[in-house]
C-alpha atoms as a PDB file:
ATOM      1  CA  UNK A   1       0.000   0.000   0.000  1.00  0.00           C
ATOM      2  CA  UNK A   2       1.217   3.521  -0.871  1.00  0.00           C
ATOM      3  CA  UNK A   3       0.008   6.562   1.105  1.00  0.00           C
ATOM      4  CA  UNK A   4       0.761  10.190   0.282  1.00  0.00           C
ATOM      5  CA  UNK A   5       1.155  12.204   3.498  1.00  0.00           C
ATOM      6  CA  UNK A   6       1.366  16.004   3.589  1.00  0.00           C
ATOM      7  CA  UNK A   7       2.635  15.840   7.183  1.00  0.00           C
ATOM      8  CA  UNK A   8       5.506  13.385   6.693  1.00  0.00           C
ATOM      9  CA  UNK A   9       9.040  14.777   6.457  1.00  0.00           C
ATOM     10  CA  UNK A  10      10.595  11.736   4.713  1.00  0.00           C
ATOM     11  CA  UNK A  11       9.636   8.952   2.338  1.00  0.00           C
ATOM     12  CA  UNK A  12       9.433   5.643   4.255  1.00  0.00           C
ATOM     13  CA  UNK A  13       8.651   2.020   3.433  1.00  0.00           C
ATOM     14  CA  UNK A  14       8.549  -1.371   5.156  1.00  0.00           C
ATOM     15  CA  UNK A  15       9.083  -3.393   1.966  1.00  0.00           C
ATOM     16  CA  UNK A  16      12.765  -4.357   2.075  1.00  0.00           C
ATOM     17  CA  UNK A  17      12.618  -6.496  -1.087  1.00  0.00           C
ATOM     18  CA  UNK A  18      11.414  -3.488  -3.131  1.00  0.00           C
ATOM     19  CA  UNK A  19      14.513  -1.387  -2.382  1.00  0.00           C
ATOM     20  CA  UNK A  20      17.468  -0.879  -4.695  1.00  0.00           C
ATOM     21  CA  UNK A  21      20.845   0.647  -3.752  1.00  0.00           C
ATOM     22  CA  UNK A  22      20.039  -0.313  -0.175  1.00  0.00           C
ATOM     23  CA  UNK A  23      22.421   0.317   2.691  1.00  0.00           C
ATOM     24  CA  UNK A  24      22.127   0.002   6.450  1.00  0.00           C
ATOM     25  CA  UNK A  25      22.182   3.089   8.670  1.00  0.00           C
ATOM     26  CA  UNK A  26      22.511   3.797  12.373  1.00  0.00           C
ATOM     27  CA  UNK A  27      19.154   3.224  14.067  1.00  0.00           C
ATOM     28  CA  UNK A  28      17.000   6.322  13.680  1.00  0.00           C
ATOM     29  CA  UNK A  29      13.914   6.787  15.884  1.00  0.00           C
ATOM     30  CA  UNK A  30      10.834   8.254  14.178  1.00  0.00           C
ATOM     31  CA  UNK A  31       7.770   9.524  16.043  1.00  0.00           C
ATOM     32  CA  UNK A  32       4.360   9.288  14.380  1.00  0.00           C
ATOM     33  CA  UNK A  33       1.444  11.686  14.838  1.00  0.00           C
ATOM     34  CA  UNK A  34      -0.068   9.429  17.517  1.00  0.00           C
ATOM     35  CA  UNK A  35       3.257   9.568  19.442  1.00  0.00           C
ATOM     36  CA  UNK A  36       4.035   5.953  18.519  1.00  0.00           C
ATOM     37  CA  UNK A  37       7.762   5.447  17.901  1.00  0.00           C
ATOM     38  CA  UNK A  38       9.346   3.137  15.348  1.00  0.00           C
ATOM     39  CA  UNK A  39      12.840   2.831  13.870  1.00  0.00           C
ATOM     40  CA  UNK A  40      14.498   3.252  10.483  1.00  0.00           C
ATOM     41  CA  UNK A  41      17.388   0.813   9.963  1.00  0.00           C
ATOM     42  CA  UNK A  42      18.315   1.469   6.344  1.00  0.00           C
ATOM     43  CA  UNK A  43      17.713   3.569   3.253  1.00  0.00           C
ATOM     44  CA  UNK A  44      17.770   3.314  -0.522  1.00  0.00           C
ATOM     45  CA  UNK A  45      15.778   3.856  -3.707  1.00  0.00           C
ATOM     46  CA  UNK A  46      12.314   2.446  -4.327  1.00  0.00           C
ATOM     47  CA  UNK A  47       9.909   2.372  -7.278  1.00  0.00           C
ATOM     48  CA  UNK A  48       6.224   2.901  -6.479  1.00  0.00           C
ATOM     49  CA  UNK A  49       3.312   1.931  -8.711  1.00  0.00           C
ATOM     50  CA  UNK A  50       0.578   4.547  -9.173  1.00  0.00           C
ATOM     51  CA  UNK A  51      -2.717   3.515 -10.857  1.00  0.00           C
ATOM     52  CA  UNK A  52      -3.477   5.996 -13.634  1.00  0.00           C
ATOM     53  CA  UNK A  53      -6.709   5.395 -15.538  1.00  0.00           C
ATOM     54  CA  UNK A  54      -6.374   1.940 -17.141  1.00  0.00           C
ATOM     55  CA  UNK A  55      -2.587   1.771 -16.735  1.00  0.00           C
ATOM     56  CA  UNK A  56      -0.009   1.805 -13.943  1.00  0.00           C
ATOM     57  CA  UNK A  57       2.863   4.302 -13.770  1.00  0.00           C
ATOM     58  CA  UNK A  58       6.220   3.528 -12.125  1.00  0.00           C
ATOM     59  CA  UNK A  59       7.841   6.385 -10.189  1.00  0.00           C
ATOM     60  CA  UNK A  60      11.367   6.107  -8.759  1.00  0.00           C
ATOM     61  CA  UNK A  61      11.846   7.694  -5.326  1.00  0.00           C
ATOM     62  CA  UNK A  62      15.330   8.110  -3.902  1.00  0.00           C
ATOM     63  CA  UNK A  63      16.685   8.161  -0.362  1.00  0.00           C
ATOM     64  CA  UNK A  64      13.727   6.341   1.210  1.00  0.00           C
ATOM     65  CA  UNK A  65      14.027   5.183   4.817  1.00  0.00           C
ATOM     66  CA  UNK A  66      13.505   1.485   5.532  1.00  0.00           C
ATOM     67  CA  UNK A  67      11.106   1.143   8.504  1.00  0.00           C
ATOM     68  CA  UNK A  68      10.206  -2.561   9.013  1.00  0.00           C
ATOM     69  CA  UNK A  69       7.397  -1.971  11.526  1.00  0.00           C
ATOM     70  CA  UNK A  70       5.504   0.656   9.528  1.00  0.00           C
ATOM     71  CA  UNK A  71       3.597  -1.808   7.317  1.00  0.00           C
ATOM     72  CA  UNK A  72       3.111   0.583   4.359  1.00  0.00           C
ATOM     73  CA  UNK A  73       4.980   2.853   1.961  1.00  0.00           C
ATOM     74  CA  UNK A  74       4.618   6.507   2.978  1.00  0.00           C
ATOM     75  CA  UNK A  75       5.346   9.213   0.391  1.00  0.00           C
ATOM     76  CA  UNK A  76       6.072  12.680   1.761  1.00  0.00           C
ATOM     77  CA  UNK A  77       4.249  15.430  -0.158  1.00  0.00           C
ATOM     78  CA  UNK A  78       6.667  17.963   1.341  1.00  0.00           C
ATOM     79  CA  UNK A  79       9.641  15.977   0.053  1.00  0.00           C
ATOM     80  CA  UNK A  80       8.085  15.865  -3.403  1.00  0.00           C
ATOM     81  CA  UNK A  81       7.444  19.625  -3.231  1.00  0.00           C
ATOM     82  CA  UNK A  82      11.168  20.282  -2.833  1.00  0.00           C
ATOM     83  CA  UNK A  83      11.938  18.229  -5.903  1.00  0.00           C
ATOM     84  CA  UNK A  84       8.960  18.992  -8.154  1.00  0.00           C
ATOM     85  CA  UNK A  85       7.838  22.408  -6.905  1.00  0.00           C
ATOM     86  CA  UNK A  86       4.423  23.095  -5.407  1.00  0.00           C
ATOM     87  CA  UNK A  87       1.973  20.218  -5.824  1.00  0.00           C
ATOM     88  CA  UNK A  88      -1.568  21.596  -6.258  1.00  0.00           C
ATOM     89  CA  UNK A  89      -4.540  20.077  -4.454  1.00  0.00           C
ATOM     90  CA  UNK A  90      -7.708  20.259  -6.566  1.00  0.00           C
ATOM     91  CA  UNK A  91     -11.062  18.576  -5.872  1.00  0.00           C
ATOM     92  CA  UNK A  92      -9.520  16.237  -3.323  1.00  0.00           C
ATOM     93  CA  UNK A  93      -6.667  15.124  -5.603  1.00  0.00           C
ATOM     94  CA  UNK A  94      -2.956  15.935  -5.613  1.00  0.00           C
ATOM     95  CA  UNK A  95      -1.820  16.548  -9.192  1.00  0.00           C
ATOM     96  CA  UNK A  96       1.676  15.222  -9.974  1.00  0.00           C
ATOM     97  CA  UNK A  97       3.584  15.579 -13.241  1.00  0.00           C
ATOM     98  CA  UNK A  98       5.807  12.613 -14.034  1.00  0.00           C
ATOM     99  CA  UNK A  99       8.744  13.371 -16.314  1.00  0.00           C
ATOM    100  CA  UNK A 100       9.399   9.620 -16.412  1.00  0.00           C
ATOM    101  CA  UNK A 101       5.893   8.813 -17.648  1.00  0.00           C
ATOM    102  CA  UNK A 102       5.367  12.076 -19.539  1.00  0.00           C
ATOM    103  CA  UNK A 103       1.902  12.678 -18.169  1.00  0.00           C
ATOM    104  CA  UNK A 104      -0.060  13.929 -15.174  1.00  0.00           C
ATOM    105  CA  UNK A 105      -0.823  11.556 -12.295  1.00  0.00           C
ATOM    106  CA  UNK A 106      -3.294  11.921  -9.472  1.00  0.00           C
ATOM    107  CA  UNK A 107      -3.171  10.821  -5.841  1.00  0.00           C
ATOM    108  CA  UNK A 108      -6.320  10.854  -3.725  1.00  0.00           C
ATOM    109  CA  UNK A 109      -6.517  12.480  -0.309  1.00  0.00           C
ATOM    110  CA  UNK A 110      -7.698  10.412   2.647  1.00  0.00           C
ATOM    111  CA  UNK A 111      -9.446  12.425   5.342  1.00  0.00           C
ATOM    112  CA  UNK A 112      -7.938  11.960   8.790  1.00  0.00           C
ATOM    113  CA  UNK A 113     -10.304  11.392  11.677  1.00  0.00           C
ATOM    114  CA  UNK A 114     -13.409  12.454   9.763  1.00  0.00           C
ATOM    115  CA  UNK A 115     -16.422  12.910  12.092  1.00  0.00           C
ATOM    116  CA  UNK A 116     -18.812   9.953  11.985  1.00  0.00           C
ATOM    117  CA  UNK A 117     -22.503   9.732  12.774  1.00  0.00           C
ATOM    118  CA  UNK A 118     -23.629   7.523  15.646  1.00  0.00           C
ATOM    119  CA  UNK A 119     -25.259   5.203  13.103  1.00  0.00           C
ATOM    120  CA  UNK A 120     -21.938   4.722  11.272  1.00  0.00           C
ATOM    121  CA  UNK A 121     -20.007   4.014  14.480  1.00  0.00           C
ATOM    122  CA  UNK A 122     -22.779   1.694  15.695  1.00  0.00           C
ATOM    123  CA  UNK A 123     -22.528  -0.394  12.497  1.00  0.00           C
ATOM    124  CA  UNK A 124     -18.718  -0.433  12.408  1.00  0.00           C
ATOM    125  CA  UNK A 125     -18.441  -1.624  16.017  1.00  0.00           C
ATOM    126  CA  UNK A 126     -20.781  -4.576  15.576  1.00  0.00           C
ATOM    127  CA  UNK A 127     -24.083  -2.873  16.502  1.00  0.00           C
ATOM    128  CA  UNK A 128     -23.270  -2.210  20.160  1.00  0.00           C
ATOM    129  CA  UNK A 129     -25.489   0.154  22.161  1.00  0.00           C
ATOM    130  CA  UNK A 130     -25.053   3.925  21.508  1.00  0.00           C
ATOM    131  CA  UNK A 131     -24.657   4.577  25.256  1.00  0.00           C
ATOM    132  CA  UNK A 132     -21.784   2.076  25.347  1.00  0.00           C
ATOM    133  CA  UNK A 133     -20.132   3.814  22.389  1.00  0.00           C
ATOM    134  CA  UNK A 134     -20.279   7.208  24.116  1.00  0.00           C
ATOM    135  CA  UNK A 135     -18.861   5.728  27.322  1.00  0.00           C
ATOM    136  CA  UNK A 136     -16.020   3.953  25.469  1.00  0.00           C
ATOM    137  CA  UNK A 137     -15.035   7.169  23.688  1.00  0.00           C
ATOM    138  CA  UNK A 138     -15.212   9.115  26.964  1.00  0.00           C
ATOM    139  CA  UNK A 139     -13.088   6.527  28.823  1.00  0.00           C
ATOM    140  CA  UNK A 140     -10.560   6.285  26.009  1.00  0.00           C
ATOM    141  CA  UNK A 141     -11.318   2.580  25.513  1.00  0.00           C
ATOM    142  CA  UNK A 142     -11.466   3.293  21.781  1.00  0.00           C
ATOM    143  CA  UNK A 143      -9.513   6.041  20.033  1.00  0.00           C
ATOM    144  CA  UNK A 144      -9.451   7.585  16.589  1.00  0.00           C
ATOM    145  CA  UNK A 145     -13.227   8.116  16.442  1.00  0.00           C
ATOM    146  CA  UNK A 146     -14.832  11.555  16.403  1.00  0.00           C
ATOM    147  CA  UNK A 147     -18.615  11.735  16.659  1.00  0.00           C
ATOM    148  CA  UNK A 148     -20.461  14.268  14.529  1.00  0.00           C
ATOM    149  CA  UNK A 149     -22.111  16.554  17.100  1.00  0.00           C
ATOM    150  CA  UNK A 150     -25.138  16.966  14.851  1.00  0.00           C
ATOM    151  CA  UNK A 151     -25.654  13.181  14.712  1.00  0.00           C
ATOM    152  CA  UNK A 152     -24.695  11.932  18.192  1.00  0.00           C
ATOM    153  CA  UNK A 153     -28.053  10.178  18.501  1.00  0.00           C
ATOM    154  CA  UNK A 154     -29.505   7.624  16.116  1.00  0.00           C
ATOM    155  CA  UNK A 155     -32.874   6.285  15.097  1.00  0.00           C
ATOM    156  CA  UNK A 156     -33.983   2.688  14.803  1.00  0.00           C
ATOM    157  CA  UNK A 157     -31.440   0.193  13.462  1.00  0.00           C
ATOM    158  CA  UNK A 158     -33.192  -2.288  11.151  1.00  0.00           C
ATOM    159  CA  UNK A 159     -30.549  -4.990  11.677  1.00  0.00           C
ATOM    160  CA  UNK A 160     -30.910  -4.773  15.454  1.00  0.00           C
ATOM    161  CA  UNK A 161     -34.702  -4.912  15.214  1.00  0.00           C
ATOM    162  CA  UNK A 162     -34.557  -8.034  13.045  1.00  0.00           C
ATOM    163  CA  UNK A 163     -32.102  -9.683  15.446  1.00  0.00           C
ATOM    164  CA  UNK A 164     -34.482  -9.155  18.380  1.00  0.00           C
ATOM    165  CA  UNK A 165     -37.467 -10.796  16.680  1.00  0.00           C
ATOM    166  CA  UNK A 166     -38.695 -13.964  18.362  1.00  0.00           C
ATOM    167  CA  UNK A 167     -39.557 -17.159  16.504  1.00  0.00           C
ATOM    168  CA  UNK A 168     -41.287 -20.420  17.219  1.00  0.00           C
ATOM    169  CA  UNK A 169     -39.038 -23.343  18.201  1.00  0.00           C
ATOM    170  CA  UNK A 170     -37.967 -25.627  15.369  1.00  0.00           C
ATOM    171  CA  UNK A 171     -39.288 -29.137  15.776  1.00  0.00           C
ATOM    172  CA  UNK A 172     -36.767 -31.961  15.998  1.00  0.00           C
ATOM    173  CA  UNK A 173     -38.927 -34.172  13.791  1.00  0.00           C
ATOM    174  CA  UNK A 174     -40.658 -33.235  10.545  1.00  0.00           C
ATOM    175  CA  UNK A 175     -44.432 -32.970  10.697  1.00  0.00           C
ATOM    176  CA  UNK A 176     -45.469 -34.603   8.463  1.00  0.00           C
ATOM    177  CA  UNK A 177     -42.527 -37.002   8.276  1.00  0.00           C
ATOM    178  CA  UNK A 178     -40.024 -36.588   5.453  1.00  0.00           C
ATOM    179  CA  UNK A 179     -40.256 -38.763   2.380  1.00  0.00           C
ATOM    180  CA  UNK A 180     -38.403 -42.080   2.448  1.00  0.00           C
ATOM    181  CA  UNK A 181     -36.477 -41.854  -0.842  1.00  0.00           C
ATOM    182  CA  UNK A 182     -34.583 -39.370  -2.982  1.00  0.00           C
ATOM    183  CA  UNK A 183     -36.841 -37.776  -5.595  1.00  0.00           C
ATOM    184  CA  UNK A 184     -40.130 -38.727  -3.912  1.00  0.00           C
ATOM    185  CA  UNK A 185     -40.884 -35.059  -3.258  1.00  0.00           C
ATOM    186  CA  UNK A 186     -39.007 -32.005  -4.549  1.00  0.00           C
ATOM    187  CA  UNK A 187     -39.695 -28.519  -3.170  1.00  0.00           C
ATOM    188  CA  UNK A 188     -38.989 -25.655  -5.547  1.00  0.00           C
ATOM    189  CA  UNK A 189     -39.048 -21.878  -5.336  1.00  0.00           C
ATOM    190  CA  UNK A 190     -37.932 -18.857  -7.346  1.00  0.00           C
ATOM    191  CA  UNK A 191     -35.975 -15.961  -5.825  1.00  0.00           C
ATOM    192  CA  UNK A 192     -35.539 -12.541  -7.419  1.00  0.00           C
ATOM    193  CA  UNK A 193     -35.127 -10.149  -8.992  1.00  0.00           C
ATOM    194  CA  UNK A 194     -31.812  -9.284  -7.391  1.00  0.00           C
ATOM    195  CA  UNK A 195     -30.924  -5.555  -7.267  1.00  0.00           C
ATOM    196  CA  UNK A 196     -27.498  -6.561  -8.626  1.00  0.00           C
ATOM    197  CA  UNK A 197     -27.093  -8.959 -11.526  1.00  0.00           C
ATOM    198  CA  UNK A 198     -24.352 -11.578 -11.839  1.00  0.00           C
ATOM    199  CA  UNK A 199     -21.485 -11.391 -14.302  1.00  0.00           C
ATOM    200  CA  UNK A 200     -23.612 -13.496 -16.645  1.00  0.00           C
ATOM    201  CA  UNK A 201     -26.548 -11.042 -16.339  1.00  0.00           C
ATOM    202  CA  UNK A 202     -28.704 -13.334 -14.145  1.00  0.00           C
ATOM    203  CA  UNK A 203     -31.058 -11.762 -11.605  1.00  0.00           C
ATOM    204  CA  UNK A 204     -32.999 -14.813 -10.396  1.00  0.00           C
ATOM    205  CA  UNK A 205     -32.279 -18.292  -9.107  1.00  0.00           C
ATOM    206  CA  UNK A 206     -34.435 -21.405  -8.934  1.00  0.00           C
ATOM    207  CA  UNK A 207     -33.999 -23.745  -5.968  1.00  0.00           C
ATOM    208  CA  UNK A 208     -34.849 -27.448  -5.853  1.00  0.00           C
ATOM    209  CA  UNK A 209     -34.749 -29.201  -2.453  1.00  0.00           C
ATOM    210  CA  UNK A 210     -35.197 -32.939  -1.994  1.00  0.00           C
ATOM    211  CA  UNK A 211     -37.539 -33.681   0.919  1.00  0.00           C
ATOM    212  CA  UNK A 212     -35.695 -36.864   1.963  1.00  0.00           C
ATOM    213  CA  UNK A 213     -32.051 -35.720   1.896  1.00  0.00           C
ATOM    214  CA  UNK A 214     -32.653 -31.929   2.236  1.00  0.00           C
ATOM    215  CA  UNK A 215     -30.092 -31.510  -0.563  1.00  0.00           C
ATOM    216  CA  UNK A 216     -30.646 -28.253  -2.457  1.00  0.00           C
ATOM    217  CA  UNK A 217     -29.540 -27.358  -5.957  1.00  0.00           C
ATOM    218  CA  UNK A 218     -29.672 -23.836  -7.452  1.00  0.00           C
ATOM    219  CA  UNK A 219     -29.916 -22.647 -11.052  1.00  0.00           C
ATOM    220  CA  UNK A 220     -29.285 -19.042 -12.096  1.00  0.00           C
ATOM    221  CA  UNK A 221     -31.873 -17.430 -14.365  1.00  0.00           C
ATOM    222  CA  UNK A 222     -32.008 -14.245 -16.384  1.00  0.00           C
ATOM    223  CA  UNK A 223     -35.819 -14.137 -16.262  1.00  0.00           C
ATOM    224  CA  UNK A 224     -38.716 -15.768 -14.370  1.00  0.00           C
ATOM    225  CA  UNK A 225     -39.764 -17.494 -17.579  1.00  0.00           C
ATOM    226  CA  UNK A 226     -36.564 -19.590 -17.488  1.00  0.00           C
ATOM    227  CA  UNK A 227     -38.005 -21.722 -14.656  1.00  0.00           C
ATOM    228  CA  UNK A 228     -39.163 -24.508 -16.998  1.00  0.00           C
ATOM    229  CA  UNK A 229     -35.654 -24.862 -18.437  1.00  0.00           C
ATOM    230  CA  UNK A 230     -34.178 -24.888 -14.920  1.00  0.00           C
ATOM    231  CA  UNK A 231     -36.538 -27.668 -13.870  1.00  0.00           C
ATOM    232  CA  UNK A 232     -35.691 -29.812 -16.881  1.00  0.00           C
ATOM    233  CA  UNK A 233     -31.972 -29.316 -16.194  1.00  0.00           C
ATOM    234  CA  UNK A 234     -32.501 -30.410 -12.580  1.00  0.00           C
ATOM    235  CA  UNK A 235     -34.566 -33.414 -13.672  1.00  0.00           C
ATOM    236  CA  UNK A 236     -31.837 -34.590 -16.071  1.00  0.00           C
ATOM    237  CA  UNK A 237     -29.150 -34.079 -13.400  1.00  0.00           C
ATOM    238  CA  UNK A 238     -31.145 -36.128 -10.865  1.00  0.00           C
ATOM    239  CA  UNK A 239     -31.680 -38.943 -13.359  1.00  0.00           C
ATOM    240  CA  UNK A 240     -28.046 -39.034 -14.509  1.00  0.00           C
ATOM    241  CA  UNK A 241     -26.409 -38.783 -11.097  1.00  0.00           C
ATOM    242  CA  UNK A 242     -28.805 -40.879  -8.990  1.00  0.00           C
ATOM    243  CA  UNK A 243     -30.858 -42.876 -11.504  1.00  0.00           C
ATOM    244  CA  UNK A 244     -34.116 -41.605 -10.063  1.00  0.00           C
ATOM    245  CA  UNK A 245     -36.999 -39.378 -11.157  1.00  0.00           C
ATOM    246  CA  UNK A 246     -39.078 -36.609  -9.627  1.00  0.00           C
ATOM    247  CA  UNK A 247     -42.294 -38.187  -8.373  1.00  0.00           C
ATOM    248  CA  UNK A 248     -43.893 -35.052  -6.888  1.00  0.00           C
ATOM    249  CA  UNK A 249     -43.045 -31.371  -7.446  1.00  0.00           C
ATOM    250  CA  UNK A 250     -44.126 -28.950  -4.702  1.00  0.00           C
ATOM    251  CA  UNK A 251     -44.296 -25.243  -5.532  1.00  0.00           C
ATOM    252  CA  UNK A 252     -46.341 -22.134  -4.859  1.00  0.00           C
ATOM    253  CA  UNK A 253     -48.942 -20.785  -7.262  1.00  0.00           C
ATOM    254  CA  UNK A 254     -46.430 -18.661  -9.177  1.00  0.00           C
ATOM    255  CA  UNK A 255     -47.132 -18.273 -12.863  1.00  0.00           C
ATOM    256  CA  UNK A 256     -43.679 -19.605 -13.728  1.00  0.00           C
ATOM    257  CA  UNK A 257     -44.849 -23.061 -12.523  1.00  0.00           C
ATOM    258  CA  UNK A 258     -48.378 -23.015 -13.954  1.00  0.00           C
ATOM    259  CA  UNK A 259     -47.680 -22.396 -17.630  1.00  0.00           C
ATOM    260  CA  UNK A 260     -49.355 -24.714 -20.142  1.00  0.00           C
ATOM    261  CA  UNK A 261     -45.973 -26.007 -21.296  1.00  0.00           C
ATOM    262  CA  UNK A 262     -44.851 -26.830 -17.748  1.00  0.00           C
ATOM    263  CA  UNK A 263     -48.179 -28.520 -16.877  1.00  0.00           C
ATOM    264  CA  UNK A 264     -48.187 -30.708 -20.004  1.00  0.00           C
ATOM    265  CA  UNK A 265     -44.586 -31.729 -19.389  1.00  0.00           C
ATOM    266  CA  UNK A 266     -45.303 -32.891 -15.821  1.00  0.00           C
ATOM    267  CA  UNK A 267     -48.281 -34.946 -17.035  1.00  0.00           C
ATOM    268  CA  UNK A 268     -46.152 -36.500 -19.775  1.00  0.00           C
ATOM    269  CA  UNK A 269     -43.513 -37.532 -17.225  1.00  0.00           C
ATOM    270  CA  UNK A 270     -46.069 -38.791 -14.707  1.00  0.00           C
ATOM    271  CA  UNK A 271     -44.931 -36.263 -12.100  1.00  0.00           C
ATOM    272  CA  UNK A 272     -47.541 -35.132  -9.604  1.00  0.00           C
ATOM    273  CA  UNK A 273     -47.868 -31.449  -8.821  1.00  0.00           C
ATOM    274  CA  UNK A 274     -48.572 -30.133  -5.342  1.00  0.00           C
ATOM    275  CA  UNK A 275     -49.231 -26.412  -5.031  1.00  0.00           C
ATOM    276  CA  UNK A 276     -48.757 -24.747  -1.667  1.00  0.00           C
ATOM    277  CA  UNK A 277     -50.096 -21.344  -0.651  1.00  0.00           C
ATOM    278  CA  UNK A 278     -47.655 -18.418  -0.987  1.00  0.00           C
END
């Protein structure tokens, strides 16, 4: 990882294998903004890779300190200023001109300690109580978080409300009892449309669950009307892999199951249909 820091006085990196012209130096203590101290034990030249549109540009930086415990590569904006002149900051981006690449490069600015709403902190800390968050910040149990004064309270959290919902106990035995053989009864359903489509442009999936084994198989679909094709694919798979057929198909009253083509096909195969209420 490469970070551009306007407050750093030197370039630094923890990646020893990326250095060239490396040489050891007398231990040099460096103090970070949070007063944490770490040491530089060497220096040399290092090439950084900067994403630039669809390509990557290589920039050679010289006299970089080797700091094993830092964990990143830190590029000093001030150090670059001395070499390249003033580096303008426009619309949240530092604009750099690379003589090596012959074009302009951009480095984004990360905001330090940006104020967060209580809702954001609540979600990032695993949905703990707002009162606990305030107390932890006050006691110094957690640091680096600044609450937005205008949003120190929060409304209802949907995830927390769902987690508190009660449910009836799950029975240890099926009622009625499960079927005795694979393929005796297949439960099917259609899910979708998804707000995000797959790489293959599918927004639905059909599920087929065997009542005896509870094994479930899914088929991606681009449209609801693809259900008939998904069922036939499942039927062929079941026959080829287990030498058995679907004896009863259980579904809701969705139109994708009740088409004339689907109904005729089930009758032709001798498969019973059992429709359940939605």
